[in-house]
Amino acid sequence: MPQAWQYTYQSEIDEGNRGDGNEVELEEQKRTKENRRKRMCEVKELDITTDNLVKSLESSLKEKEHEVKQEQQRNRELDAKFKDLLQEKESIEAQLQKILDNHYTEKSELSSKIKSLQEEKKNTQR
């Protein structure tokens, strides 16, 4: 449609609308459209905000997961070190027990020898 005709046609529609009371309806439609547009903008802003929050939370979660994995690795290393130290302690305790057993055995043998030597001494002095 040529521009001149379009302008004429639109002005006739506008005049017709004014004449038959559609102004209120048109204003209501404009408000409805504007409200819908505003709500769509708010929804888009909320979507953007939500997306940013989700990305931030995902990032924080990945960091925490990484920290947990590092802590688990550290715990495994400490467990291994603890087991090694426990085995070393048990080995040292076993060695000490052997030393004590040998000491008591030697002490007992020496005590027996001393008694027998004292007996011999008594017997020789008589």
N, C-alpha and C. Protein backbone atom coordinates (compact mmCIF):
# COMPACT_ATOMS: atom_id res chain seq x y z
N MET A 1 0.85 -1.17 0.00
CA MET A 1 0.00 0.00 0.00
C MET A 1 0.90 1.24 0.00
N PRO A 2 0.65 2.21 -0.91
CA PRO A 2 1.47 3.42 -0.94
C PRO A 2 1.34 4.19 0.36
N GLN A 3 2.39 4.96 0.64
CA GLN A 3 2.46 5.65 1.92
C GLN A 3 1.31 6.64 2.11
N ALA A 4 0.94 7.36 1.09
CA ALA A 4 -0.15 8.34 1.19
C ALA A 4 -1.46 7.65 1.54
N TRP A 5 -1.72 6.53 0.87
CA TRP A 5 -2.93 5.78 1.17
C TRP A 5 -2.90 5.24 2.59
N GLN A 6 -1.74 4.75 2.99
CA GLN A 6 -1.59 4.19 4.33
C GLN A 6 -1.90 5.25 5.38
N TYR A 7 -1.39 6.45 5.16
CA TYR A 7 -1.62 7.54 6.10
C TYR A 7 -3.11 7.88 6.16
N THR A 8 -3.72 7.97 5.00
CA THR A 8 -5.15 8.29 4.92
C THR A 8 -5.96 7.21 5.61
N TYR A 9 -5.62 5.95 5.32
CA TYR A 9 -6.35 4.83 5.90
C TYR A 9 -6.22 4.84 7.42
N GLN A 10 -4.99 5.06 7.92
CA GLN A 10 -4.75 5.09 9.36
C GLN A 10 -5.52 6.25 10.00
N SER A 11 -5.53 7.41 9.36
CA SER A 11 -6.24 8.55 9.95
C SER A 11 -7.74 8.29 9.97
N GLU A 12 -8.26 7.58 8.97
CA GLU A 12 -9.68 7.23 8.99
C GLU A 12 -9.98 6.27 10.13
N ILE A 13 -9.09 5.33 10.35
CA ILE A 13 -9.28 4.39 11.47
C ILE A 13 -9.26 5.14 12.78
N ASP A 14 -8.29 6.07 12.90
CA ASP A 14 -8.20 6.86 14.12
C ASP A 14 -9.46 7.68 14.35
N GLU A 15 -9.98 8.29 13.29
CA GLU A 15 -11.20 9.07 13.41
C GLU A 15 -12.37 8.17 13.77
N GLY A 16 -12.42 7.01 13.15
CA GLY A 16 -13.49 6.07 13.44
C GLY A 16 -13.42 5.59 14.88
N ASN A 17 -12.23 5.37 15.38
CA ASN A 17 -12.08 4.92 16.76
C ASN A 17 -12.52 5.99 17.73
N ARG A 18 -12.20 7.20 17.40
CA ARG A 18 -12.60 8.30 18.29
C ARG A 18 -14.11 8.44 18.29
N GLY A 19 -14.68 8.17 17.15
CA GLY A 19 -16.11 8.39 17.02
C GLY A 19 -16.95 7.34 17.71
N ASP A 20 -16.49 6.09 17.79
CA ASP A 20 -17.37 5.04 18.32
C ASP A 20 -17.00 4.56 19.73
N GLY A 21 -16.17 5.26 20.46
CA GLY A 21 -15.89 4.95 21.86
C GLY A 21 -14.83 3.88 22.08
N ASN A 22 -14.03 3.58 21.08
CA ASN A 22 -12.99 2.56 21.23
C ASN A 22 -11.72 3.11 21.88
N GLU A 23 -11.72 4.40 22.18
CA GLU A 23 -10.53 5.01 22.79
C GLU A 23 -10.17 4.32 24.11
N VAL A 24 -11.16 4.09 24.94
CA VAL A 24 -10.92 3.45 26.23
C VAL A 24 -10.35 2.06 26.02
N GLU A 25 -10.92 1.35 25.07
CA GLU A 25 -10.43 -0.01 24.78
C GLU A 25 -9.00 0.03 24.25
N LEU A 26 -8.70 1.01 23.38
CA LEU A 26 -7.34 1.14 22.84
C LEU A 26 -6.36 1.49 23.95
N GLU A 27 -6.76 2.38 24.84
CA GLU A 27 -5.88 2.74 25.97
C GLU A 27 -5.63 1.53 26.85
N GLU A 28 -6.68 0.76 27.10
CA GLU A 28 -6.55 -0.45 27.91
C GLU A 28 -5.61 -1.44 27.22
N GLN A 29 -5.73 -1.57 25.91
CA GLN A 29 -4.83 -2.46 25.17
C GLN A 29 -3.39 -1.97 25.24
N LYS A 30 -3.22 -0.64 25.14
CA LYS A 30 -1.86 -0.08 25.24
C LYS A 30 -1.27 -0.35 26.61
N ARG A 31 -2.07 -0.14 27.66
CA ARG A 31 -1.58 -0.40 29.03
C ARG A 31 -1.24 -1.88 29.20
N THR A 32 -2.12 -2.71 28.68
CA THR A 32 -1.89 -4.16 28.77
C THR A 32 -0.60 -4.53 28.05
N LYS A 33 -0.42 -3.98 26.85
CA LYS A 33 0.81 -4.24 26.09
C LYS A 33 2.04 -3.76 26.85
N GLU A 34 1.94 -2.54 27.39
CA GLU A 34 3.07 -1.96 28.13
C GLU A 34 3.37 -2.79 29.38
N ASN A 35 2.31 -3.18 30.09
CA ASN A 35 2.52 -4.02 31.28
C ASN A 35 3.15 -5.35 30.90
N ARG A 36 2.69 -5.93 29.80
CA ARG A 36 3.25 -7.20 29.34
C ARG A 36 4.72 -7.02 28.99
N ARG A 37 5.04 -5.92 28.30
CA ARG A 37 6.42 -5.64 27.92
C ARG A 37 7.29 -5.48 29.18
N LYS A 38 6.76 -4.75 30.18
CA LYS A 38 7.51 -4.56 31.43
C LYS A 38 7.75 -5.90 32.13
N ARG A 39 6.70 -6.72 32.18
CA ARG A 39 6.85 -8.04 32.81
C ARG A 39 7.87 -8.89 32.08
N MET A 40 7.86 -8.82 30.75
CA MET A 40 8.84 -9.59 29.97
C MET A 40 10.25 -9.11 30.26
N CYS A 41 10.41 -7.80 30.41
CA CYS A 41 11.73 -7.27 30.76
C CYS A 41 12.15 -7.75 32.14
N GLU A 42 11.19 -7.72 33.08
CA GLU A 42 11.50 -8.20 34.44
C GLU A 42 11.87 -9.68 34.42
N VAL A 43 11.12 -10.45 33.62
CA VAL A 43 11.41 -11.88 33.52
C VAL A 43 12.80 -12.10 32.94
N LYS A 44 13.14 -11.33 31.90
CA LYS A 44 14.48 -11.45 31.30
C LYS A 44 15.55 -11.11 32.33
N GLU A 45 15.31 -10.04 33.10
CA GLU A 45 16.28 -9.66 34.14
C GLU A 45 16.41 -10.75 35.19
N LEU A 46 15.26 -11.32 35.59
CA LEU A 46 15.29 -12.41 36.56
C LEU A 46 16.02 -13.63 35.99
N ASP A 47 15.79 -13.92 34.71
CA ASP A 47 16.49 -15.03 34.06
C ASP A 47 17.99 -14.81 34.08
N ILE A 48 18.40 -13.57 33.75
CA ILE A 48 19.83 -13.24 33.75
C ILE A 48 20.40 -13.37 35.16
N THR A 49 19.67 -12.83 36.14
CA THR A 49 20.12 -12.91 37.54
C THR A 49 20.20 -14.38 37.98
N THR A 50 19.18 -15.15 37.63
CA THR A 50 19.16 -16.57 37.99
C THR A 50 20.32 -17.30 37.34
N ASP A 51 20.55 -17.03 36.06
CA ASP A 51 21.68 -17.66 35.35
C ASP A 51 23.00 -17.32 36.03
N ASN A 52 23.16 -16.05 36.40
CA ASN A 52 24.40 -15.63 37.07
C ASN A 52 24.55 -16.34 38.41
N LEU A 53 23.45 -16.45 39.16
CA LEU A 53 23.51 -17.15 40.44
C LEU A 53 23.86 -18.62 40.25
N VAL A 54 23.25 -19.24 39.26
CA VAL A 54 23.53 -20.65 39.00
C VAL A 54 24.99 -20.84 38.63
N LYS A 55 25.50 -19.96 37.76
CA LYS A 55 26.92 -20.06 37.37
C LYS A 55 27.82 -19.87 38.58
N SER A 56 27.48 -18.92 39.43
CA SER A 56 28.27 -18.66 40.63
C SER A 56 28.24 -19.87 41.56
N LEU A 57 27.05 -20.44 41.75
CA LEU A 57 26.92 -21.61 42.61
C LEU A 57 27.66 -22.81 42.03
N GLU A 58 27.58 -22.99 40.71
CA GLU A 58 28.30 -24.10 40.08
C GLU A 58 29.80 -23.93 40.26
N SER A 59 30.25 -22.70 40.12
CA SER A 59 31.68 -22.43 40.30
C SER A 59 32.10 -22.72 41.74
N SER A 60 31.30 -22.26 42.70
CA SER A 60 31.60 -22.51 44.11
C SER A 60 31.59 -24.01 44.40
N LEU A 61 30.64 -24.71 43.81
CA LEU A 61 30.55 -26.15 44.01
C LEU A 61 31.79 -26.85 43.47
N LYS A 62 32.24 -26.44 42.28
CA LYS A 62 33.45 -27.04 41.71
C LYS A 62 34.66 -26.79 42.60
N GLU A 63 34.76 -25.56 43.14
CA GLU A 63 35.87 -25.24 44.04
C GLU A 63 35.81 -26.12 45.28
N LYS A 64 34.62 -26.26 45.86
CA LYS A 64 34.46 -27.09 47.06
C LYS A 64 34.78 -28.55 46.76
N GLU A 65 34.33 -29.04 45.61
CA GLU A 65 34.63 -30.41 45.22
C GLU A 65 36.14 -30.61 45.11
N HIS A 66 36.81 -29.63 44.53
CA HIS A 66 38.27 -29.70 44.40
C HIS A 66 38.92 -29.72 45.78
N GLU A 67 38.44 -28.86 46.67
CA GLU A 67 38.98 -28.81 48.04
C GLU A 67 38.75 -30.14 48.75
N VAL A 68 37.57 -30.72 48.56
CA VAL A 68 37.25 -32.01 49.19
C VAL A 68 38.18 -33.10 48.67
N LYS A 69 38.41 -33.10 47.35
CA LYS A 69 39.31 -34.10 46.77
C LYS A 69 40.72 -33.95 47.32
N GLN A 70 41.17 -32.70 47.45
CA GLN A 70 42.51 -32.47 48.02
C GLN A 70 42.56 -32.94 49.47
N GLU A 71 41.51 -32.67 50.22
CA GLU A 71 41.46 -33.08 51.63
C GLU A 71 41.43 -34.60 51.74
N GLN A 72 40.68 -35.25 50.85
CA GLN A 72 40.63 -36.71 50.85
C GLN A 72 42.01 -37.29 50.53
N GLN A 73 42.70 -36.69 49.56
CA GLN A 73 44.05 -37.15 49.22
C GLN A 73 44.98 -36.98 50.41
N ARG A 74 44.88 -35.84 51.06
CA ARG A 74 45.71 -35.57 52.24
C ARG A 74 45.40 -36.58 53.34
N ASN A 75 44.12 -36.88 53.54
CA ASN A 75 43.73 -37.87 54.55
C ASN A 75 44.29 -39.25 54.22
N ARG A 76 44.26 -39.63 52.92
CA ARG A 76 44.83 -40.93 52.54
C ARG A 76 46.33 -40.97 52.83
N GLU A 77 47.01 -39.85 52.52
CA GLU A 77 48.45 -39.79 52.79
C GLU A 77 48.72 -39.88 54.29
N LEU A 78 47.93 -39.17 55.09
CA LEU A 78 48.10 -39.22 56.55
C LEU A 78 47.79 -40.61 57.09
N ASP A 79 46.76 -41.27 56.54
CA ASP A 79 46.43 -42.63 56.96
C ASP A 79 47.60 -43.57 56.68
N ALA A 80 48.18 -43.45 55.48
CA ALA A 80 49.31 -44.30 55.11
C ALA A 80 50.49 -44.04 56.06
N LYS A 81 50.76 -42.76 56.33
CA LYS A 81 51.85 -42.41 57.23
C LYS A 81 51.58 -42.95 58.64
N PHE A 82 50.32 -42.86 59.09
CA PHE A 82 49.95 -43.36 60.40
C PHE A 82 50.17 -44.87 60.48
N LYS A 83 49.76 -45.59 59.42
CA LYS A 83 49.95 -47.04 59.41
C LYS A 83 51.44 -47.40 59.46
N ASP A 84 52.26 -46.65 58.71
CA ASP A 84 53.70 -46.89 58.73
C ASP A 84 54.25 -46.67 60.14
N LEU A 85 53.85 -45.58 60.76
CA LEU A 85 54.33 -45.28 62.11
C LEU A 85 53.84 -46.32 63.12
N LEU A 86 52.62 -46.79 62.95
CA LEU A 86 52.09 -47.81 63.84
C LEU A 86 52.88 -49.11 63.70
N GLN A 87 53.22 -49.49 62.47
CA GLN A 87 54.03 -50.69 62.26
C GLN A 87 55.42 -50.51 62.88
N GLU A 88 55.99 -49.32 62.70
CA GLU A 88 57.30 -49.04 63.28
C GLU A 88 57.24 -49.13 64.80
N LYS A 89 56.19 -48.59 65.39
CA LYS A 89 56.01 -48.64 66.84
C LYS A 89 55.91 -50.09 67.32
N GLU A 90 55.09 -50.89 66.60
CA GLU A 90 54.94 -52.29 66.97
C GLU A 90 56.27 -53.04 66.85
N SER A 91 57.05 -52.72 65.83
CA SER A 91 58.35 -53.35 65.64
C SER A 91 59.29 -52.99 66.81
N ILE A 92 59.30 -51.71 67.17
CA ILE A 92 60.15 -51.26 68.28
C ILE A 92 59.71 -51.91 69.59
N GLU A 93 58.39 -52.01 69.80
CA GLU A 93 57.88 -52.66 71.02
C GLU A 93 58.31 -54.12 71.07
N ALA A 94 58.27 -54.79 69.91
CA ALA A 94 58.68 -56.19 69.86
C ALA A 94 60.17 -56.32 70.19
N GLN A 95 60.98 -55.39 69.64
CA GLN A 95 62.42 -55.41 69.94
C GLN A 95 62.67 -55.16 71.43
N LEU A 96 61.95 -54.19 71.98
CA LEU A 96 62.11 -53.89 73.41
C LEU A 96 61.69 -55.09 74.26
N GLN A 97 60.63 -55.76 73.87
CA GLN A 97 60.18 -56.93 74.63
C GLN A 97 61.24 -58.03 74.58
N LYS A 98 61.86 -58.21 73.40
CA LYS A 98 62.94 -59.20 73.29
C LYS A 98 64.09 -58.83 74.22
N ILE A 99 64.46 -57.55 74.21
CA ILE A 99 65.55 -57.08 75.06
C ILE A 99 65.22 -57.34 76.53
N LEU A 100 63.97 -57.00 76.90
CA LEU A 100 63.56 -57.24 78.30
C LEU A 100 63.59 -58.73 78.64
N ASP A 101 63.05 -59.53 77.72
CA ASP A 101 63.05 -60.98 77.96
C ASP A 101 64.49 -61.49 78.14
N ASN A 102 65.38 -61.03 77.24
CA ASN A 102 66.79 -61.44 77.35
C ASN A 102 67.39 -60.97 78.66
N HIS A 103 67.07 -59.74 79.04
CA HIS A 103 67.59 -59.17 80.29
C HIS A 103 67.14 -60.02 81.48
N TYR A 104 65.84 -60.34 81.54
CA TYR A 104 65.33 -61.14 82.66
C TYR A 104 65.90 -62.55 82.64
N THR A 105 66.08 -63.08 81.44
CA THR A 105 66.67 -64.41 81.34
C THR A 105 68.11 -64.38 81.85
N GLU A 106 68.88 -63.39 81.40
CA GLU A 106 70.27 -63.26 81.84
C GLU A 106 70.33 -63.02 83.35
N LYS A 107 69.42 -62.17 83.83
CA LYS A 107 69.39 -61.86 85.27
C LYS A 107 69.09 -63.13 86.06
N SER A 108 68.15 -63.88 85.56
CA SER A 108 67.79 -65.12 86.24
C SER A 108 68.96 -66.11 86.22
N GLU A 109 69.63 -66.22 85.06
CA GLU A 109 70.78 -67.11 84.95
C GLU A 109 71.91 -66.65 85.88
N LEU A 110 72.15 -65.34 85.88
CA LEU A 110 73.20 -64.81 86.77
C LEU A 110 72.85 -65.04 88.23
N SER A 111 71.59 -64.85 88.54
CA SER A 111 71.15 -65.07 89.92
C SER A 111 71.36 -66.53 90.31
N SER A 112 71.05 -67.41 89.41
CA SER A 112 71.25 -68.84 89.67
C SER A 112 72.73 -69.15 89.84
N LYS A 113 73.58 -68.55 88.98
CA LYS A 113 75.02 -68.77 89.08
C LYS A 113 75.55 -68.23 90.41
N ILE A 114 75.08 -67.04 90.79
CA ILE A 114 75.53 -66.46 92.06
C ILE A 114 75.17 -67.38 93.20
N LYS A 115 73.94 -67.89 93.19
CA LYS A 115 73.51 -68.79 94.27
C LYS A 115 74.37 -70.06 94.28
N SER A 116 74.62 -70.57 93.10
CA SER A 116 75.42 -71.80 93.07
C SER A 116 76.86 -71.53 93.50
N LEU A 117 77.40 -70.37 93.12
CA LEU A 117 78.75 -70.01 93.56
C LEU A 117 78.78 -69.78 95.07
N GLN A 118 77.74 -69.17 95.60
CA GLN A 118 77.68 -68.96 97.05
C GLN A 118 77.59 -70.31 97.77
N GLU A 119 76.84 -71.20 97.19
CA GLU A 119 76.73 -72.54 97.77
C GLU A 119 78.09 -73.24 97.74
N GLU A 120 78.76 -73.10 96.61
CA GLU A 120 80.08 -73.71 96.49
C GLU A 120 81.04 -73.10 97.50
N LYS A 121 80.96 -71.80 97.63
CA LYS A 121 81.85 -71.10 98.57
C LYS A 121 81.59 -71.61 100.00
N LYS A 122 80.33 -71.74 100.34
CA LYS A 122 79.98 -72.24 101.67
C LYS A 122 80.53 -73.66 101.85
N ASN A 123 80.35 -74.43 100.82
CA ASN A 123 80.80 -75.82 100.91
C ASN A 123 82.32 -75.93 101.00
N THR A 124 83.01 -75.05 100.31
CA THR A 124 84.46 -75.11 100.36
C THR A 124 84.98 -74.55 101.68
N GLN A 125 84.32 -73.67 102.30
CA GLN A 125 84.74 -73.08 103.56
C GLN A 125 84.49 -74.05 104.69
N ARG A 126 83.71 -74.99 104.58
CA ARG A 126 83.41 -75.90 105.66
C ARG A 126 84.43 -76.89 105.79
